[in-house]
Protein backbone atom coordinates (compact mmCIF):
# COMPACT_ATOMS: atom_id res chain seq x y z
CA MET A 1 149.32 40.60 54.55
CA ASP A 2 150.20 37.32 56.33
CA GLY A 3 148.65 36.47 59.66
CA LEU A 4 151.98 36.59 61.34
CA VAL A 5 154.52 39.28 60.48
CA THR A 6 158.13 39.67 61.57
CA THR A 7 159.70 42.66 63.26
CA GLU A 8 161.88 43.12 60.09
CA TRP A 9 158.69 43.32 57.98
CA LEU A 10 156.99 45.76 60.16
CA ALA A 11 160.03 48.06 60.50
CA ASP A 12 159.98 48.29 56.61
CA SER A 13 156.15 48.93 56.42
CA PRO A 14 155.52 52.52 57.47
CA GLN A 15 151.96 52.61 56.18
CA ILE A 16 150.77 49.84 58.58
CA LEU A 17 148.69 50.95 61.64
CA VAL A 18 150.18 49.30 64.79
CA LEU A 19 147.98 48.76 67.82
CA ASP A 20 149.17 47.89 71.31
CA ALA A 21 146.87 45.13 72.63
CA THR A 22 148.37 44.53 75.97
CA TYR A 23 145.68 43.42 78.37
CA SER A 24 145.68 42.73 82.06
CA SER A 25 142.66 43.11 84.24
CA THR A 26 140.90 39.66 84.28
CA VAL A 27 143.69 37.17 83.60
CA PRO A 28 143.79 35.10 86.81
CA GLY A 29 147.07 35.18 88.64
CA SER A 30 148.34 38.28 86.83
CA SER A 31 150.10 40.97 88.78
CA PRO A 32 148.36 44.32 88.78
CA ARG A 33 149.23 46.32 85.69
CA ASP A 34 148.22 49.59 83.99
CA PRO A 35 148.66 48.87 80.28
CA ARG A 36 147.79 52.47 79.25
CA ALA A 37 150.42 53.87 81.61
CA GLU A 38 152.86 51.33 80.25
CA PHE A 39 152.11 52.36 76.69
CA GLU A 40 152.67 55.99 77.48
CA THR A 41 155.96 55.10 79.12
CA GLU A 42 157.17 53.08 76.08
CA HIS A 43 155.67 51.67 72.98
CA ILE A 44 156.54 50.77 69.37
CA ALA A 45 157.11 54.02 67.47
CA GLY A 46 153.88 55.18 65.74
CA ALA A 47 151.65 52.73 67.59
CA CYS A 48 148.23 53.52 69.08
CA PHE A 49 146.74 52.06 72.22
CA LEU A 50 143.87 49.72 71.57
CA ASP A 51 142.79 49.57 75.27
CA LEU A 52 141.75 45.89 75.04
CA ASP A 53 140.73 45.94 78.73
CA SER A 54 137.79 48.13 77.91
CA LEU A 55 136.90 46.52 74.57
CA ILE A 56 134.35 44.19 76.20
CA ASP A 57 130.64 43.89 76.83
CA GLU A 58 130.37 45.77 80.11
CA THR A 59 126.77 44.50 80.63
CA SER A 60 127.91 40.89 80.77
CA PRO A 61 128.39 39.26 84.24
CA LEU A 62 131.24 37.21 82.73
CA PRO A 63 134.86 38.52 82.48
CA SER A 64 136.20 39.98 79.25
CA THR A 65 133.09 39.07 77.17
CA MET A 66 133.36 40.09 73.54
CA PRO A 67 131.95 43.52 72.65
CA THR A 68 129.33 44.31 70.04
CA ILE A 69 130.35 44.86 66.52
CA ALA A 70 129.24 48.47 66.80
CA LYS A 71 131.63 48.95 69.72
CA ILE A 72 134.51 47.46 67.86
CA ALA A 73 133.82 49.68 64.86
CA GLU A 74 133.65 52.82 67.03
CA ARG A 75 136.84 52.00 68.77
CA LEU A 76 138.62 51.50 65.43
CA ARG A 77 137.26 54.77 64.04
CA SER A 78 138.57 56.55 67.17
CA LEU A 79 142.01 55.16 66.34
CA GLY A 80 142.04 56.42 62.81
CA VAL A 81 141.08 53.24 61.07
CA ASP A 82 139.44 53.29 57.63
CA THR A 83 137.81 50.21 56.11
CA GLU A 84 140.85 49.25 54.10
CA THR A 85 143.44 50.04 56.78
CA GLN A 86 145.89 47.23 57.40
CA ILE A 87 146.53 46.61 61.12
CA VAL A 88 149.20 44.84 63.06
CA VAL A 89 148.60 44.15 66.73
CA TYR A 90 151.23 43.41 69.37
CA ASP A 91 151.40 43.07 73.17
CA ASN A 92 153.82 43.12 76.12
CA SER A 93 152.18 40.21 77.99
CA PRO A 94 153.11 36.64 78.83
CA HIS A 95 149.48 35.76 77.95
CA HIS A 96 150.03 36.85 74.33
CA THR A 97 146.87 39.02 74.50
CA ALA A 98 147.31 40.39 71.02
CA CYS A 99 145.71 37.16 69.91
CA ARG A 100 142.59 38.14 71.64
CA ALA A 101 142.69 41.50 69.84
CA TRP A 102 143.26 39.68 66.57
CA TRP A 103 140.15 37.54 67.17
CA ILE A 104 138.01 40.55 68.36
CA LEU A 105 138.85 42.73 65.40
CA ARG A 106 138.29 39.94 62.96
CA LEU A 107 134.68 39.70 64.34
CA ALA A 108 134.19 43.04 62.44
CA GLY A 109 135.87 41.74 59.36
CA VAL A 110 139.20 43.53 59.85
CA ASP A 111 142.33 42.53 58.04
CA VAL A 112 144.68 42.16 60.97
CA ALA A 113 148.02 40.43 61.58
CA LEU A 114 150.13 39.64 64.66
CA LEU A 115 153.65 40.86 65.34
CA ASP A 116 155.73 37.77 66.03
CA GLY A 117 157.53 38.17 69.30
CA GLY A 118 155.62 41.33 70.22
CA MET A 119 157.14 44.15 72.19
CA ALA A 120 159.77 41.89 73.79
CA LYS A 121 161.37 41.03 70.51
CA TRP A 122 161.05 44.54 69.11
CA LYS A 123 162.90 45.91 72.05
CA ALA A 124 165.55 43.22 72.14
CA GLU A 125 166.39 44.07 68.56
CA GLY A 126 166.77 47.76 69.42
CA ARG A 127 163.99 48.99 67.20
CA PRO A 128 162.41 52.48 67.53
CA LEU A 129 160.29 53.23 70.62
CA GLU A 130 158.24 56.31 71.67
CA SER A 131 156.65 57.53 74.79
CA GLY A 132 153.54 59.53 75.50
CA PRO A 133 150.05 59.16 74.21
CA HIS A 134 149.32 58.90 70.46
CA ASN A 135 146.46 61.02 69.15
CA ALA A 136 144.96 59.76 65.91
CA ARG A 137 142.66 61.37 63.41
CA ARG A 138 139.15 59.95 63.30
CA GLY A 139 138.73 57.11 60.72
CA GLU A 140 135.80 55.92 58.66
CA PHE A 141 135.84 52.27 59.35
CA GLU A 142 132.71 50.29 58.48
CA PRO A 143 132.35 46.57 59.56
CA ARG A 144 132.43 43.88 56.97
CA ALA A 145 131.61 40.19 56.97
CA PRO A 146 133.17 38.46 60.03
CA LYS A 147 136.38 36.58 59.69
CA ALA A 148 136.09 35.11 63.17
CA HIS A 149 133.25 33.25 64.88
CA ALA A 150 132.07 32.77 68.45
CA ARG A 151 130.26 29.92 70.06
CA SER A 152 127.52 30.39 72.79
CA LEU A 153 126.83 28.22 75.78
CA GLU A 154 123.85 26.64 74.07
CA GLU A 155 125.86 25.87 70.95
CA MET A 156 128.60 24.31 73.08
CA LYS A 157 126.07 21.94 74.75
CA THR A 158 125.31 20.34 71.40
CA THR A 159 128.44 20.91 69.39
CA LYS A 160 130.04 18.08 67.40
CA GLU A 161 133.20 20.12 66.88
CA GLN A 162 136.51 19.28 68.45
CA ILE A 163 137.16 21.29 71.61
CA ALA A 164 140.70 22.43 72.53
CA ASP A 165 141.29 23.98 75.90
CA ALA A 166 144.22 26.39 76.33
CA ARG A 167 144.49 26.30 80.23
CA SER A 168 147.26 24.57 82.08
CA ALA A 169 147.13 20.81 82.65
CA THR A 170 146.38 21.20 86.37
CA ARG A 171 143.52 23.52 85.72
CA PHE A 172 142.23 21.23 82.98
CA THR A 173 142.31 17.99 85.06
CA GLY A 174 140.94 19.73 88.10
CA GLU A 175 144.00 19.06 90.22
CA GLU A 176 144.17 22.85 90.66
CA LYS A 177 141.06 24.71 91.77
CA ASP A 178 139.68 27.46 89.56
CA PRO A 179 140.76 30.90 90.71
CA ARG A 180 137.19 32.02 90.66
CA ALA A 181 135.40 30.79 93.77
CA GLU A 182 132.14 30.30 92.01
CA VAL A 183 133.59 28.16 89.23
CA ALA A 184 134.01 24.40 89.51
CA ALA A 185 137.21 22.62 88.70
CA GLY A 186 137.72 20.45 85.58
CA HIS A 187 136.95 20.71 81.91
CA ILE A 188 134.25 20.33 79.24
CA PRO A 189 133.65 16.60 78.56
CA GLY A 190 135.35 15.46 75.39
CA SER A 191 137.70 18.44 75.19
CA ARG A 192 141.45 18.19 74.69
CA ASN A 193 144.08 20.14 76.62
CA ILE A 194 146.69 22.12 74.75
CA PRO A 195 148.30 24.55 77.18
CA TYR A 196 149.01 27.65 75.19
CA PRO A 197 152.79 28.00 76.04
CA LEU A 198 153.44 24.96 73.90
CA PHE A 199 153.23 27.16 70.79
CA PHE A 200 156.07 29.60 71.73
CA ASN A 201 159.87 29.84 71.71
CA PRO A 202 161.67 31.21 74.74
CA ASP A 203 161.76 34.71 73.16
CA ARG A 204 157.88 34.64 72.91
CA SER A 205 157.98 34.19 69.14
CA TRP A 206 155.82 31.52 67.53
CA LYS A 207 157.35 28.08 66.80
CA PRO A 208 157.63 27.09 63.04
CA LEU A 209 154.52 25.88 61.41
CA ALA A 210 155.54 22.22 61.49
CA GLN A 211 155.95 22.36 65.26
CA ILE A 212 152.66 24.17 65.69
CA ARG A 213 150.95 21.47 63.71
CA ALA A 214 152.70 18.78 65.83
CA VAL A 215 151.29 20.43 69.02
CA PHE A 216 147.83 20.02 67.71
CA GLU A 217 148.35 16.50 66.40
CA ASP A 218 150.16 15.29 69.53
CA ASN A 219 147.01 16.31 71.41
CA ASN A 220 144.69 14.52 69.14
CA ILE A 221 143.27 17.54 67.21
CA ASP A 222 142.60 16.92 63.51
CA LEU A 223 143.00 20.24 61.78
CA ALA A 224 140.98 19.02 58.84
CA ARG A 225 137.95 18.97 61.06
CA PRO A 226 135.97 21.80 62.70
CA LEU A 227 137.45 23.13 65.99
CA VAL A 228 136.40 25.40 68.74
CA THR A 229 138.82 26.75 71.37
CA THR A 230 138.27 27.60 75.00
CA CYS A 231 140.16 28.54 78.13
CA GLY A 232 139.31 30.34 81.41
CA SER A 233 137.70 33.51 80.13
CA GLY A 234 138.23 33.50 76.37
CA ILE A 235 141.60 35.26 76.32
CA THR A 236 144.20 32.46 75.74
CA ALA A 237 141.69 30.49 73.73
CA ALA A 238 142.46 33.03 71.02
CA ILE A 239 146.05 31.79 70.99
CA LEU A 240 144.85 28.30 69.94
CA ALA A 241 142.51 29.85 67.37
CA PHE A 242 145.40 31.82 65.92
CA GLY A 243 147.64 28.79 65.82
CA ALA A 244 144.95 26.86 63.92
CA HIS A 245 144.51 29.87 61.56
CA LEU A 246 148.16 29.75 60.66
CA LEU A 247 147.48 26.13 59.49
CA GLY A 248 144.38 26.93 57.55
CA ASN A 249 141.71 26.02 60.17
CA GLU A 250 139.45 28.85 61.07
CA ALA A 251 138.44 27.72 64.56
CA ALA A 252 135.58 29.24 66.42
CA LEU A 253 136.07 30.42 70.04
CA TYR A 254 133.79 29.78 73.00
CA ASP A 255 133.77 33.24 74.48
CA GLY A 256 132.15 32.34 77.84
CA SER A 257 134.79 29.58 78.26
CA TRP A 258 135.26 27.80 81.59
CA SER A 259 134.18 30.85 83.64
CA GLU A 260 130.78 30.31 82.22
CA TRP A 261 130.64 26.56 81.74
CA GLY A 262 132.21 25.80 85.09
CA SER A 263 129.77 28.08 87.03
CA ARG A 264 126.62 26.64 85.62
CA PRO A 265 124.69 23.93 87.47
CA ASP A 266 123.33 22.48 84.22
CA THR A 267 126.63 21.68 82.56
CA ALA A 268 128.64 18.48 82.78
CA LYS A 269 132.17 18.73 84.25
CA ALA A 270 134.89 16.27 83.64
CA LEU A 271 137.99 15.69 85.85
CA GLY A 272 141.30 14.05 85.07
CA PRO A 273 143.17 13.95 81.77
CA ALA A 274 141.33 13.95 78.45
């Protein structure tokens, strides 16, 4: 299964498990939403609700920190996933949060793909929808070797990897204050700014591979070299990681991202363009 699948492909693949990965709660500037209620009102026919908002480490003081492998595995079993189940994730979010789900599930070695265009494209094409909750049988999923990798604060302090930051240009340069009062403005020294909307067409589908590659290259990222992605809280950083994945670069993700780096007194902060 390819990393990015079309609505046409999914409509013709009834054996695929589809998971709604819409997420809301800690994306700064987002309007209040209830993804579960939205799912029960309307979702892709046959899909299950991943509940990405709760698939986190609830003991962490940082927002949306990645969960343990054990928690990922238990969530998947509760959704009927077996070890060989093929999964497609989608979202109904301007932040393309299915990319975060893609990254989280790959930490447990899951074979998972993204639905290109998500819910918006599926609905625009008049494809089947359902309402109400979806009750799945219990699966027997067991984690495998990870397909995704995280970076810690200590690793980021000494990394020689390229760093790509998915936040807006004004957040990156420090022209705009961070929405979290305890977090400084600016960016990790040496990082490059690639605002995540650059990868998408107006209908929320991904741009062609040549244009995705150009986005990285235009921002001085060499996809032949190791890469780590970052953002505000590790959500949109997964978009950059997915884009790199499509081009053969298995980028790591700094899960603490700027909410961690920018709040620490012992980390250097840069202002202005890269």
